[in-house]
Amino acid sequence: MGVINVIDREGKTHTLEALEGWRIMEIIRDWGLPMEGLCGGSAECGTCHVFVAPEWLPKLFPARDEEENQLDQLPIVEPNSRLSCQILYTDELDGLTVTLAPEA
């Protein structure tokens, strides 16, 4: 088991225990932070939008077309935007830092 760091919309950092194979969206939501994930992980809604700390981007698999298409529909997108439902936690991501995107 490892951890991820989540910066909420007020700027507070939360260190959450993370299990390998779980979606980052699930980890954030299950720890009670405001993460909707309405589509359940199919990259169809954008309600799990996060900003990944730049130093972690090279460690992630590139976004697939479905994710890119959904991100294109969001009002605020940064170069480090990702849908947290498309990032699976692995031991290599121990310490990952993400920031919750503003609510659309």
PDB file of N, CA and C in Angstrom:
ATOM      1  N   MET A   1       0.853  -1.172   0.000  1.00  0.00           N
ATOM      2  CA  MET A   1       0.000   0.000   0.000  1.00  0.00           C
ATOM      3  C   MET A   1       0.894   1.228   0.000  1.00  0.00           C
ATOM      4  N   GLY A   2       0.456   2.240  -0.759  1.00  0.00           N
ATOM      5  CA  GLY A   2       1.195   3.494  -0.824  1.00  0.00           C
ATOM      6  C   GLY A   2       0.268   4.649  -0.528  1.00  0.00           C
ATOM      7  N   VAL A   3       0.668   5.839  -0.963  1.00  0.00           N
ATOM      8  CA  VAL A   3      -0.144   7.025  -0.730  1.00  0.00           C
ATOM      9  C   VAL A   3      -0.187   7.900  -1.974  1.00  0.00           C
ATOM     10  N   ILE A   4      -1.248   8.694  -2.034  1.00  0.00           N
ATOM     11  CA  ILE A   4      -1.319   9.786  -2.995  1.00  0.00           C
ATOM     12  C   ILE A   4      -1.599  11.049  -2.193  1.00  0.00           C
ATOM     13  N   ASN A   5      -1.185  12.171  -2.746  1.00  0.00           N
ATOM     14  CA  ASN A   5      -1.436  13.473  -2.127  1.00  0.00           C
ATOM     15  C   ASN A   5      -2.445  14.208  -2.987  1.00  0.00           C
ATOM     16  N   VAL A   6      -3.513  14.656  -2.359  1.00  0.00           N
ATOM     17  CA  VAL A   6      -4.581  15.343  -3.074  1.00  0.00           C
ATOM     18  C   VAL A   6      -4.740  16.733  -2.481  1.00  0.00           C
ATOM     19  N   ILE A   7      -4.627  17.734  -3.338  1.00  0.00           N
ATOM     20  CA  ILE A   7      -4.833  19.113  -2.908  1.00  0.00           C
ATOM     21  C   ILE A   7      -6.273  19.469  -3.252  1.00  0.00           C
ATOM     22  N   ASP A   8      -7.049  19.813  -2.219  1.00  0.00           N
ATOM     23  CA  ASP A   8      -8.468  20.107  -2.450  1.00  0.00           C
ATOM     24  C   ASP A   8      -8.650  21.517  -2.999  1.00  0.00           C
ATOM     25  N   ARG A   9      -9.880  21.902  -3.219  1.00  0.00           N
ATOM     26  CA  ARG A   9     -10.184  23.197  -3.846  1.00  0.00           C
ATOM     27  C   ARG A   9      -9.914  24.388  -2.927  1.00  0.00           C
ATOM     28  N   GLU A  10      -9.649  24.126  -1.663  1.00  0.00           N
ATOM     29  CA  GLU A  10      -9.289  25.185  -0.723  1.00  0.00           C
ATOM     30  C   GLU A  10      -7.771  25.254  -0.519  1.00  0.00           C
ATOM     31  N   GLY A  11      -7.032  24.366  -1.191  1.00  0.00           N
ATOM     32  CA  GLY A  11      -5.582  24.364  -1.101  1.00  0.00           C
ATOM     33  C   GLY A  11      -5.000  23.479  -0.019  1.00  0.00           C
ATOM     34  N   LYS A  12      -5.839  22.717   0.668  1.00  0.00           N
ATOM     35  CA  LYS A  12      -5.366  21.815   1.723  1.00  0.00           C
ATOM     36  C   LYS A  12      -4.913  20.491   1.108  1.00  0.00           C
ATOM     37  N   THR A  13      -3.779  19.987   1.570  1.00  0.00           N
ATOM     38  CA  THR A  13      -3.254  18.718   1.078  1.00  0.00           C
ATOM     39  C   THR A  13      -3.721  17.576   1.971  1.00  0.00           C
ATOM     40  N   HIS A  14      -4.217  16.520   1.339  1.00  0.00           N
ATOM     41  CA  HIS A  14      -4.669  15.309   2.024  1.00  0.00           C
ATOM     42  C   HIS A  14      -3.791  14.157   1.540  1.00  0.00           C
ATOM     43  N   THR A  15      -3.209  13.414   2.457  1.00  0.00           N
ATOM     44  CA  THR A  15      -2.429  12.234   2.112  1.00  0.00           C
ATOM     45  C   THR A  15      -3.323  11.026   2.328  1.00  0.00           C
ATOM     46  N   LEU A  16      -3.575  10.305   1.240  1.00  0.00           N
ATOM     47  CA  LEU A  16      -4.536   9.198   1.259  1.00  0.00           C
ATOM     48  C   LEU A  16      -3.834   7.877   0.984  1.00  0.00           C
ATOM     49  N   GLU A  17      -4.170   6.853   1.758  1.00  0.00           N
ATOM     50  CA  GLU A  17      -3.658   5.521   1.463  1.00  0.00           C
ATOM     51  C   GLU A  17      -4.256   5.055   0.142  1.00  0.00           C
ATOM     52  N   ALA A  18      -3.436   4.362  -0.647  1.00  0.00           N
ATOM     53  CA  ALA A  18      -3.866   3.933  -1.977  1.00  0.00           C
ATOM     54  C   ALA A  18      -3.514   2.469  -2.198  1.00  0.00           C
ATOM     55  N   LEU A  19      -4.442   1.754  -2.811  1.00  0.00           N
ATOM     56  CA  LEU A  19      -4.232   0.338  -3.123  1.00  0.00           C
ATOM     57  C   LEU A  19      -3.940   0.167  -4.605  1.00  0.00           C
ATOM     58  N   GLU A  20      -2.986  -0.685  -4.908  1.00  0.00           N
ATOM     59  CA  GLU A  20      -2.623  -0.945  -6.297  1.00  0.00           C
ATOM     60  C   GLU A  20      -3.830  -1.464  -7.071  1.00  0.00           C
ATOM     61  N   GLY A  21      -3.980  -0.933  -8.296  1.00  0.00           N
ATOM     62  CA  GLY A  21      -5.064  -1.351  -9.172  1.00  0.00           C
ATOM     63  C   GLY A  21      -6.326  -0.512  -9.061  1.00  0.00           C
ATOM     64  N   TRP A  22      -6.416   0.343  -8.056  1.00  0.00           N
ATOM     65  CA  TRP A  22      -7.584   1.211  -7.910  1.00  0.00           C
ATOM     66  C   TRP A  22      -7.397   2.457  -8.754  1.00  0.00           C
ATOM     67  N   ARG A  23      -8.496   2.963  -9.265  1.00  0.00           N
ATOM     68  CA  ARG A  23      -8.459   4.221 -10.006  1.00  0.00           C
ATOM     69  C   ARG A  23      -8.232   5.366  -9.012  1.00  0.00           C
ATOM     70  N   ILE A  24      -7.483   6.369  -9.436  1.00  0.00           N
ATOM     71  CA  ILE A  24      -7.252   7.526  -8.569  1.00  0.00           C
ATOM     72  C   ILE A  24      -8.593   8.147  -8.180  1.00  0.00           C
ATOM     73  N   MET A  25      -9.549   8.179  -9.088  1.00  0.00           N
ATOM     74  CA  MET A  25     -10.889   8.685  -8.791  1.00  0.00           C
ATOM     75  C   MET A  25     -11.514   7.942  -7.620  1.00  0.00           C
ATOM     76  N   GLU A  26     -11.413   6.626  -7.621  1.00  0.00           N
ATOM     77  CA  GLU A  26     -12.006   5.813  -6.557  1.00  0.00           C
ATOM     78  C   GLU A  26     -11.347   6.089  -5.211  1.00  0.00           C
ATOM     79  N   ILE A  27     -10.038   6.229  -5.222  1.00  0.00           N
ATOM     80  CA  ILE A  27      -9.311   6.491  -3.977  1.00  0.00           C
ATOM     81  C   ILE A  27      -9.773   7.821  -3.389  1.00  0.00           C
ATOM     82  N   ILE A  28      -9.807   8.852  -4.228  1.00  0.00           N
ATOM     83  CA  ILE A  28     -10.202  10.180  -3.752  1.00  0.00           C
ATOM     84  C   ILE A  28     -11.636  10.153  -3.230  1.00  0.00           C
ATOM     85  N   ARG A  29     -12.528   9.575  -3.986  1.00  0.00           N
ATOM     86  CA  ARG A  29     -13.947   9.525  -3.603  1.00  0.00           C
ATOM     87  C   ARG A  29     -14.154   8.700  -2.333  1.00  0.00           C
ATOM     88  N   ASP A  30     -13.490   7.548  -2.252  1.00  0.00           N
ATOM     89  CA  ASP A  30     -13.686   6.673  -1.098  1.00  0.00           C
ATOM     90  C   ASP A  30     -13.134   7.260   0.195  1.00  0.00           C
ATOM     91  N   TRP A  31     -12.200   8.193   0.107  1.00  0.00           N
ATOM     92  CA  TRP A  31     -11.699   8.872   1.296  1.00  0.00           C
ATOM     93  C   TRP A  31     -12.549  10.090   1.640  1.00  0.00           C
ATOM     94  N   GLY A  32     -13.633  10.313   0.910  1.00  0.00           N
ATOM     95  CA  GLY A  32     -14.587  11.345   1.278  1.00  0.00           C
ATOM     96  C   GLY A  32     -14.313  12.735   0.740  1.00  0.00           C
ATOM     97  N   LEU A  33     -13.378  12.861  -0.181  1.00  0.00           N
ATOM     98  CA  LEU A  33     -13.150  14.166  -0.797  1.00  0.00           C
ATOM     99  C   LEU A  33     -14.176  14.385  -1.908  1.00  0.00           C
ATOM    100  N   PRO A  34     -14.422  15.641  -2.286  1.00  0.00           N
ATOM    101  CA  PRO A  34     -15.469  15.924  -3.278  1.00  0.00           C
ATOM    102  C   PRO A  34     -15.075  15.504  -4.699  1.00  0.00           C
ATOM    103  N   MET A  35     -15.339  14.256  -5.009  1.00  0.00           N
ATOM    104  CA  MET A  35     -15.037  13.682  -6.319  1.00  0.00           C
ATOM    105  C   MET A  35     -16.276  12.932  -6.776  1.00  0.00           C
ATOM    106  N   GLU A  36     -16.925  13.433  -7.839  1.00  0.00           N
ATOM    107  CA  GLU A  36     -18.170  12.791  -8.273  1.00  0.00           C
ATOM    108  C   GLU A  36     -17.936  11.495  -9.031  1.00  0.00           C
ATOM    109  N   GLY A  37     -17.222  11.551 -10.137  1.00  0.00           N
ATOM    110  CA  GLY A  37     -17.018  10.342 -10.930  1.00  0.00           C
ATOM    111  C   GLY A  37     -18.327   9.753 -11.396  1.00  0.00           C
ATOM    112  N   LEU A  38     -19.181  10.597 -11.945  1.00  0.00           N
ATOM    113  CA  LEU A  38     -20.544  10.180 -12.311  1.00  0.00           C
ATOM    114  C   LEU A  38     -20.596   9.019 -13.300  1.00  0.00           C
ATOM    115  N   CYS A  39     -19.656   8.941 -14.223  1.00  0.00           N
ATOM    116  CA  CYS A  39     -19.725   7.892 -15.246  1.00  0.00           C
ATOM    117  C   CYS A  39     -19.086   6.584 -14.780  1.00  0.00           C
ATOM    118  N   GLY A  40     -18.542   6.580 -13.568  1.00  0.00           N
ATOM    119  CA  GLY A  40     -17.987   5.353 -13.020  1.00  0.00           C
ATOM    120  C   GLY A  40     -16.648   4.934 -13.595  1.00  0.00           C
ATOM    121  N   GLY A  41     -16.007   5.796 -14.344  1.00  0.00           N
ATOM    122  CA  GLY A  41     -14.675   5.471 -14.849  1.00  0.00           C
ATOM    123  C   GLY A  41     -14.574   5.249 -16.335  1.00  0.00           C
ATOM    124  N   SER A  42     -15.604   5.617 -17.079  1.00  0.00           N
ATOM    125  CA  SER A  42     -15.580   5.371 -18.524  1.00  0.00           C
ATOM    126  C   SER A  42     -15.175   6.596 -19.350  1.00  0.00           C
ATOM    127  N   ALA A  43     -14.655   7.622 -18.709  1.00  0.00           N
ATOM    128  CA  ALA A  43     -14.172   8.842 -19.390  1.00  0.00           C
ATOM    129  C   ALA A  43     -15.266   9.532 -20.190  1.00  0.00           C
ATOM    130  N   GLU A  44     -16.476   9.540 -19.635  1.00  0.00           N
ATOM    131  CA  GLU A  44     -17.596  10.130 -20.356  1.00  0.00           C
ATOM    132  C   GLU A  44     -18.183  11.369 -19.704  1.00  0.00           C
ATOM    133  N   CYS A  45     -17.680  11.782 -18.519  1.00  0.00           N
ATOM    134  CA  CYS A  45     -18.351  12.908 -17.864  1.00  0.00           C
ATOM    135  C   CYS A  45     -17.422  14.050 -17.453  1.00  0.00           C
ATOM    136  N   GLY A  46     -16.189  13.796 -17.147  1.00  0.00           N
ATOM    137  CA  GLY A  46     -15.261  14.842 -16.740  1.00  0.00           C
ATOM    138  C   GLY A  46     -15.388  15.291 -15.300  1.00  0.00           C
ATOM    139  N   THR A  47     -16.224  14.637 -14.487  1.00  0.00           N
ATOM    140  CA  THR A  47     -16.410  15.068 -13.096  1.00  0.00           C
ATOM    141  C   THR A  47     -15.296  14.597 -12.171  1.00  0.00           C
ATOM    142  N   CYS A  48     -14.288  13.936 -12.720  1.00  0.00           N
ATOM    143  CA  CYS A  48     -13.134  13.503 -11.923  1.00  0.00           C
ATOM    144  C   CYS A  48     -11.858  14.206 -12.382  1.00  0.00           C
ATOM    145  N   HIS A  49     -12.016  15.353 -12.992  1.00  0.00           N
ATOM    146  CA  HIS A  49     -10.909  16.131 -13.535  1.00  0.00           C
ATOM    147  C   HIS A  49      -9.942  16.561 -12.430  1.00  0.00           C
ATOM    148  N   VAL A  50      -8.653  16.306 -12.661  1.00  0.00           N
ATOM    149  CA  VAL A  50      -7.605  16.739 -11.741  1.00  0.00           C
ATOM    150  C   VAL A  50      -6.458  17.345 -12.537  1.00  0.00           C
ATOM    151  N   PHE A  51      -5.629  18.099 -11.825  1.00  0.00           N
ATOM    152  CA  PHE A  51      -4.377  18.590 -12.376  1.00  0.00           C
ATOM    153  C   PHE A  51      -3.268  17.765 -11.728  1.00  0.00           C
ATOM    154  N   VAL A  52      -2.488  17.082 -12.543  1.00  0.00           N
ATOM    155  CA  VAL A  52      -1.402  16.240 -12.052  1.00  0.00           C
ATOM    156  C   VAL A  52      -0.159  17.113 -11.868  1.00  0.00           C
ATOM    157  N   ALA A  53       0.520  16.964 -10.733  1.00  0.00           N
ATOM    158  CA  ALA A  53       1.763  17.700 -10.520  1.00  0.00           C
ATOM    159  C   ALA A  53       2.704  17.399 -11.689  1.00  0.00           C
ATOM    160  N   PRO A  54       3.289  18.430 -12.293  1.00  0.00           N
ATOM    161  CA  PRO A  54       4.088  18.249 -13.513  1.00  0.00           C
ATOM    162  C   PRO A  54       5.174  17.177 -13.424  1.00  0.00           C
ATOM    163  N   GLU A  55       5.802  17.034 -12.263  1.00  0.00           N
ATOM    164  CA  GLU A  55       6.874  16.043 -12.146  1.00  0.00           C
ATOM    165  C   GLU A  55       6.362  14.613 -12.247  1.00  0.00           C
ATOM    166  N   TRP A  56       5.060  14.406 -12.094  1.00  0.00           N
ATOM    167  CA  TRP A  56       4.475  13.067 -12.181  1.00  0.00           C
ATOM    168  C   TRP A  56       3.986  12.719 -13.581  1.00  0.00           C
ATOM    169  N   LEU A  57       3.797  13.695 -14.437  1.00  0.00           N
ATOM    170  CA  LEU A  57       3.257  13.432 -15.777  1.00  0.00           C
ATOM    171  C   LEU A  57       4.050  12.392 -16.559  1.00  0.00           C
ATOM    172  N   PRO A  58       5.387  12.421 -16.557  1.00  0.00           N
ATOM    173  CA  PRO A  58       6.129  11.411 -17.330  1.00  0.00           C
ATOM    174  C   PRO A  58       5.923   9.977 -16.838  1.00  0.00           C
ATOM    175  N   LYS A  59       5.450   9.813 -15.611  1.00  0.00           N
ATOM    176  CA  LYS A  59       5.255   8.476 -15.048  1.00  0.00           C
ATOM    177  C   LYS A  59       3.888   7.885 -15.393  1.00  0.00           C
ATOM    178  N   LEU A  60       3.018   8.683 -16.002  1.00  0.00           N
ATOM    179  CA  LEU A  60       1.669   8.224 -16.349  1.00  0.00           C
ATOM    180  C   LEU A  60       1.620   7.757 -17.790  1.00  0.00           C
ATOM    181  N   PHE A  61       0.720   6.821 -18.055  1.00  0.00           N
ATOM    182  CA  PHE A  61       0.454   6.461 -19.434  1.00  0.00           C
ATOM    183  C   PHE A  61      -0.195   7.658 -20.109  1.00  0.00           C
ATOM    184  N   PRO A  62       0.089   7.884 -21.379  1.00  0.00           N
ATOM    185  CA  PRO A  62      -0.549   9.013 -22.073  1.00  0.00           C
ATOM    186  C   PRO A  62      -2.070   8.858 -22.102  1.00  0.00           C
ATOM    187  N   ALA A  63      -2.748   9.991 -22.137  1.00  0.00           N
ATOM    188  CA  ALA A  63      -4.215   9.977 -22.234  1.00  0.00           C
ATOM    189  C   ALA A  63      -4.629   9.357 -23.567  1.00  0.00           C
ATOM    190  N   ARG A  64      -5.669   8.544 -23.528  1.00  0.00           N
ATOM    191  CA  ARG A  64      -6.222   7.967 -24.759  1.00  0.00           C
ATOM    192  C   ARG A  64      -7.163   8.980 -25.409  1.00  0.00           C
ATOM    193  N   ASP A  65      -7.569   8.690 -26.620  1.00  0.00           N
ATOM    194  CA  ASP A  65      -8.447   9.599 -27.367  1.00  0.00           C
ATOM    195  C   ASP A  65      -9.735   9.919 -26.613  1.00  0.00           C
ATOM    196  N   GLU A  66     -10.342   8.915 -25.952  1.00  0.00           N
ATOM    197  CA  GLU A  66     -11.592   9.135 -25.233  1.00  0.00           C
ATOM    198  C   GLU A  66     -11.403  10.167 -24.124  1.00  0.00           C
ATOM    199  N   GLU A  67     -10.293  10.048 -23.414  1.00  0.00           N
ATOM    200  CA  GLU A  67     -10.002  10.996 -22.344  1.00  0.00           C
ATOM    201  C   GLU A  67      -9.735  12.382 -22.913  1.00  0.00           C
ATOM    202  N   GLU A  68      -8.927  12.462 -23.952  1.00  0.00           N
ATOM    203  CA  GLU A  68      -8.631  13.752 -24.591  1.00  0.00           C
ATOM    204  C   GLU A  68      -9.910  14.428 -25.078  1.00  0.00           C
ATOM    205  N   ASN A  69     -10.805  13.655 -25.681  1.00  0.00           N
ATOM    206  CA  ASN A  69     -12.074  14.216 -26.169  1.00  0.00           C
ATOM    207  C   ASN A  69     -12.909  14.778 -25.028  1.00  0.00           C
ATOM    208  N   GLN A  70     -12.940  14.081 -23.897  1.00  0.00           N
ATOM    209  CA  GLN A  70     -13.707  14.570 -22.745  1.00  0.00           C
ATOM    210  C   GLN A  70     -13.064  15.818 -22.155  1.00  0.00           C
ATOM    211  N   LEU A  71     -11.749  15.824 -22.054  1.00  0.00           N
ATOM    212  CA  LEU A  71     -11.049  17.001 -21.536  1.00  0.00           C
ATOM    213  C   LEU A  71     -11.313  18.223 -22.414  1.00  0.00           C
ATOM    214  N   ASP A  72     -11.409  18.014 -23.725  1.00  0.00           N
ATOM    215  CA  ASP A  72     -11.675  19.120 -24.648  1.00  0.00           C
ATOM    216  C   ASP A  72     -13.021  19.789 -24.389  1.00  0.00           C
ATOM    217  N   GLN A  73     -13.922  19.109 -23.708  1.00  0.00           N
ATOM    218  CA  GLN A  73     -15.253  19.658 -23.438  1.00  0.00           C
ATOM    219  C   GLN A  73     -15.342  20.405 -22.108  1.00  0.00           C
ATOM    220  N   LEU A  74     -14.290  20.359 -21.316  1.00  0.00           N
ATOM    221  CA  LEU A  74     -14.307  21.006 -20.009  1.00  0.00           C
ATOM    222  C   LEU A  74     -13.954  22.490 -20.130  1.00  0.00           C
ATOM    223  N   PRO A  75     -14.514  23.332 -19.259  1.00  0.00           N
ATOM    224  CA  PRO A  75     -14.286  24.778 -19.379  1.00  0.00           C
ATOM    225  C   PRO A  75     -12.884  25.233 -18.981  1.00  0.00           C
ATOM    226  N   ILE A  76     -12.244  24.537 -18.046  1.00  0.00           N
ATOM    227  CA  ILE A  76     -10.901  24.912 -17.598  1.00  0.00           C
ATOM    228  C   ILE A  76     -10.000  23.693 -17.745  1.00  0.00           C
ATOM    229  N   VAL A  77      -9.048  23.787 -18.654  1.00  0.00           N
ATOM    230  CA  VAL A  77      -8.129  22.684 -18.894  1.00  0.00           C
ATOM    231  C   VAL A  77      -6.708  23.240 -18.934  1.00  0.00           C
ATOM    232  N   GLU A  78      -5.810  22.528 -18.305  1.00  0.00           N
ATOM    233  CA  GLU A  78      -4.396  22.892 -18.276  1.00  0.00           C
ATOM    234  C   GLU A  78      -3.598  21.779 -18.963  1.00  0.00           C
ATOM    235  N   PRO A  79      -2.342  22.034 -19.305  1.00  0.00           N
ATOM    236  CA  PRO A  79      -1.522  20.979 -19.930  1.00  0.00           C
ATOM    237  C   PRO A  79      -1.379  19.728 -19.059  1.00  0.00           C
ATOM    238  N   ASN A  80      -1.554  19.880 -17.752  1.00  0.00           N
ATOM    239  CA  ASN A  80      -1.436  18.736 -16.834  1.00  0.00           C
ATOM    240  C   ASN A  80      -2.798  18.186 -16.412  1.00  0.00           C
ATOM    241  N   SER A  81      -3.853  18.517 -17.155  1.00  0.00           N
ATOM    242  CA  SER A  81      -5.196  17.997 -16.858  1.00  0.00           C
ATOM    243  C   SER A  81      -5.294  16.527 -17.216  1.00  0.00           C
ATOM    244  N   ARG A  82      -5.927  15.776 -16.331  1.00  0.00           N
ATOM    245  CA  ARG A  82      -6.238  14.372 -16.591  1.00  0.00           C
ATOM    246  C   ARG A  82      -7.562  14.041 -15.922  1.00  0.00           C
ATOM    247  N   LEU A  83      -8.182  12.974 -16.404  1.00  0.00           N
ATOM    248  CA  LEU A  83      -9.360  12.421 -15.739  1.00  0.00           C
ATOM    249  C   LEU A  83      -8.825  11.358 -14.777  1.00  0.00           C
ATOM    250  N   SER A  84      -9.099  11.534 -13.497  1.00  0.00           N
ATOM    251  CA  SER A  84      -8.522  10.625 -12.508  1.00  0.00           C
ATOM    252  C   SER A  84      -9.063   9.202 -12.621  1.00  0.00           C
ATOM    253  N   CYS A  85     -10.178   9.046 -13.320  1.00  0.00           N
ATOM    254  CA  CYS A  85     -10.708   7.692 -13.533  1.00  0.00           C
ATOM    255  C   CYS A  85      -9.853   6.902 -14.523  1.00  0.00           C
ATOM    256  N   GLN A  86      -8.986   7.588 -15.250  1.00  0.00           N
ATOM    257  CA  GLN A  86      -8.158   6.920 -16.253  1.00  0.00           C
ATOM    258  C   GLN A  86      -6.739   6.655 -15.754  1.00  0.00           C
ATOM    259  N   ILE A  87      -6.494   6.937 -14.481  1.00  0.00           N
ATOM    260  CA  ILE A  87      -5.173   6.688 -13.900  1.00  0.00           C
ATOM    261  C   ILE A  87      -5.314   5.599 -12.845  1.00  0.00           C
ATOM    262  N   LEU A  88      -4.677   4.470 -13.102  1.00  0.00           N
ATOM    263  CA  LEU A  88      -4.680   3.367 -12.130  1.00  0.00           C
ATOM    264  C   LEU A  88      -3.462   3.496 -11.225  1.00  0.00           C
ATOM    265  N   TYR A  89      -3.706   3.354  -9.926  1.00  0.00           N
ATOM    266  CA  TYR A  89      -2.610   3.445  -8.971  1.00  0.00           C
ATOM    267  C   TYR A  89      -1.729   2.203  -9.067  1.00  0.00           C
ATOM    268  N   THR A  90      -0.429   2.428  -9.152  1.00  0.00           N
ATOM    269  CA  THR A  90       0.573   1.368  -9.096  1.00  0.00           C
ATOM    270  C   THR A  90       1.634   1.797  -8.088  1.00  0.00           C
ATOM    271  N   ASP A  91       2.479   0.874  -7.700  1.00  0.00           N
ATOM    272  CA  ASP A  91       3.558   1.202  -6.757  1.00  0.00           C
ATOM    273  C   ASP A  91       4.458   2.312  -7.289  1.00  0.00           C
ATOM    274  N   GLU A  92       4.583   2.407  -8.609  1.00  0.00           N
ATOM    275  CA  GLU A  92       5.410   3.451  -9.214  1.00  0.00           C
ATOM    276  C   GLU A  92       4.820   4.844  -8.986  1.00  0.00           C
ATOM    277  N   LEU A  93       3.545   4.912  -8.622  1.00  0.00           N
ATOM    278  CA  LEU A  93       2.890   6.200  -8.392  1.00  0.00           C
ATOM    279  C   LEU A  93       2.802   6.550  -6.905  1.00  0.00           C
ATOM    280  N   ASP A  94       3.536   5.830  -6.071  1.00  0.00           N
ATOM    281  CA  ASP A  94       3.529   6.135  -4.638  1.00  0.00           C
ATOM    282  C   ASP A  94       4.001   7.571  -4.433  1.00  0.00           C
ATOM    283  N   GLY A  95       3.161   8.394  -3.822  1.00  0.00           N
ATOM    284  CA  GLY A  95       3.472   9.801  -3.599  1.00  0.00           C
ATOM    285  C   GLY A  95       2.900  10.739  -4.649  1.00  0.00           C
ATOM    286  N   LEU A  96       2.192  10.195  -5.636  1.00  0.00           N
ATOM    287  CA  LEU A  96       1.561  11.010  -6.676  1.00  0.00           C
ATOM    288  C   LEU A  96       0.820  12.186  -6.062  1.00  0.00           C
ATOM    289  N   THR A  97       0.947  13.352  -6.687  1.00  0.00           N
ATOM    290  CA  THR A  97       0.235  14.529  -6.225  1.00  0.00           C
ATOM    291  C   THR A  97      -0.687  15.048  -7.331  1.00  0.00           C
ATOM    292  N   VAL A  98      -1.955  15.224  -6.964  1.00  0.00           N
ATOM    293  CA  VAL A  98      -2.946  15.792  -7.886  1.00  0.00           C
ATOM    294  C   VAL A  98      -3.717  16.890  -7.160  1.00  0.00           C
ATOM    295  N   THR A  99      -4.234  17.814  -7.927  1.00  0.00           N
ATOM    296  CA  THR A  99      -5.067  18.888  -7.405  1.00  0.00           C
ATOM    297  C   THR A  99      -6.443  18.748  -8.009  1.00  0.00           C
ATOM    298  N   LEU A 100      -7.496  18.822  -7.199  1.00  0.00           N
ATOM    299  CA  LEU A 100      -8.858  18.770  -7.714  1.00  0.00           C
ATOM    300  C   LEU A 100      -9.105  20.001  -8.571  1.00  0.00           C
ATOM    301  N   ALA A 101      -9.606  19.787  -9.776  1.00  0.00           N
ATOM    302  CA  ALA A 101      -9.935  20.898 -10.662  1.00  0.00           C
ATOM    303  C   ALA A 101     -11.170  21.610 -10.156  1.00  0.00           C
ATOM    304  N   PRO A 102     -11.330  22.897 -10.507  1.00  0.00           N
ATOM    305  CA  PRO A 102     -12.556  23.603 -10.100  1.00  0.00           C
ATOM    306  C   PRO A 102     -13.786  22.885 -10.658  1.00  0.00           C
ATOM    307  N   GLU A 103     -14.879  22.976  -9.914  1.00  0.00           N
ATOM    308  CA  GLU A 103     -16.115  22.371 -10.392  1.00  0.00           C
ATOM    309  C   GLU A 103     -16.604  23.131 -11.611  1.00  0.00           C
ATOM    310  N   ALA A 104     -17.082  22.391 -12.585  1.00  0.00           N
ATOM    311  CA  ALA A 104     -17.539  23.005 -13.840  1.00  0.00           C
ATOM    312  C   ALA A 104     -18.876  23.699 -13.651  1.00  0.00           C
TER     313      ALA A 104
END
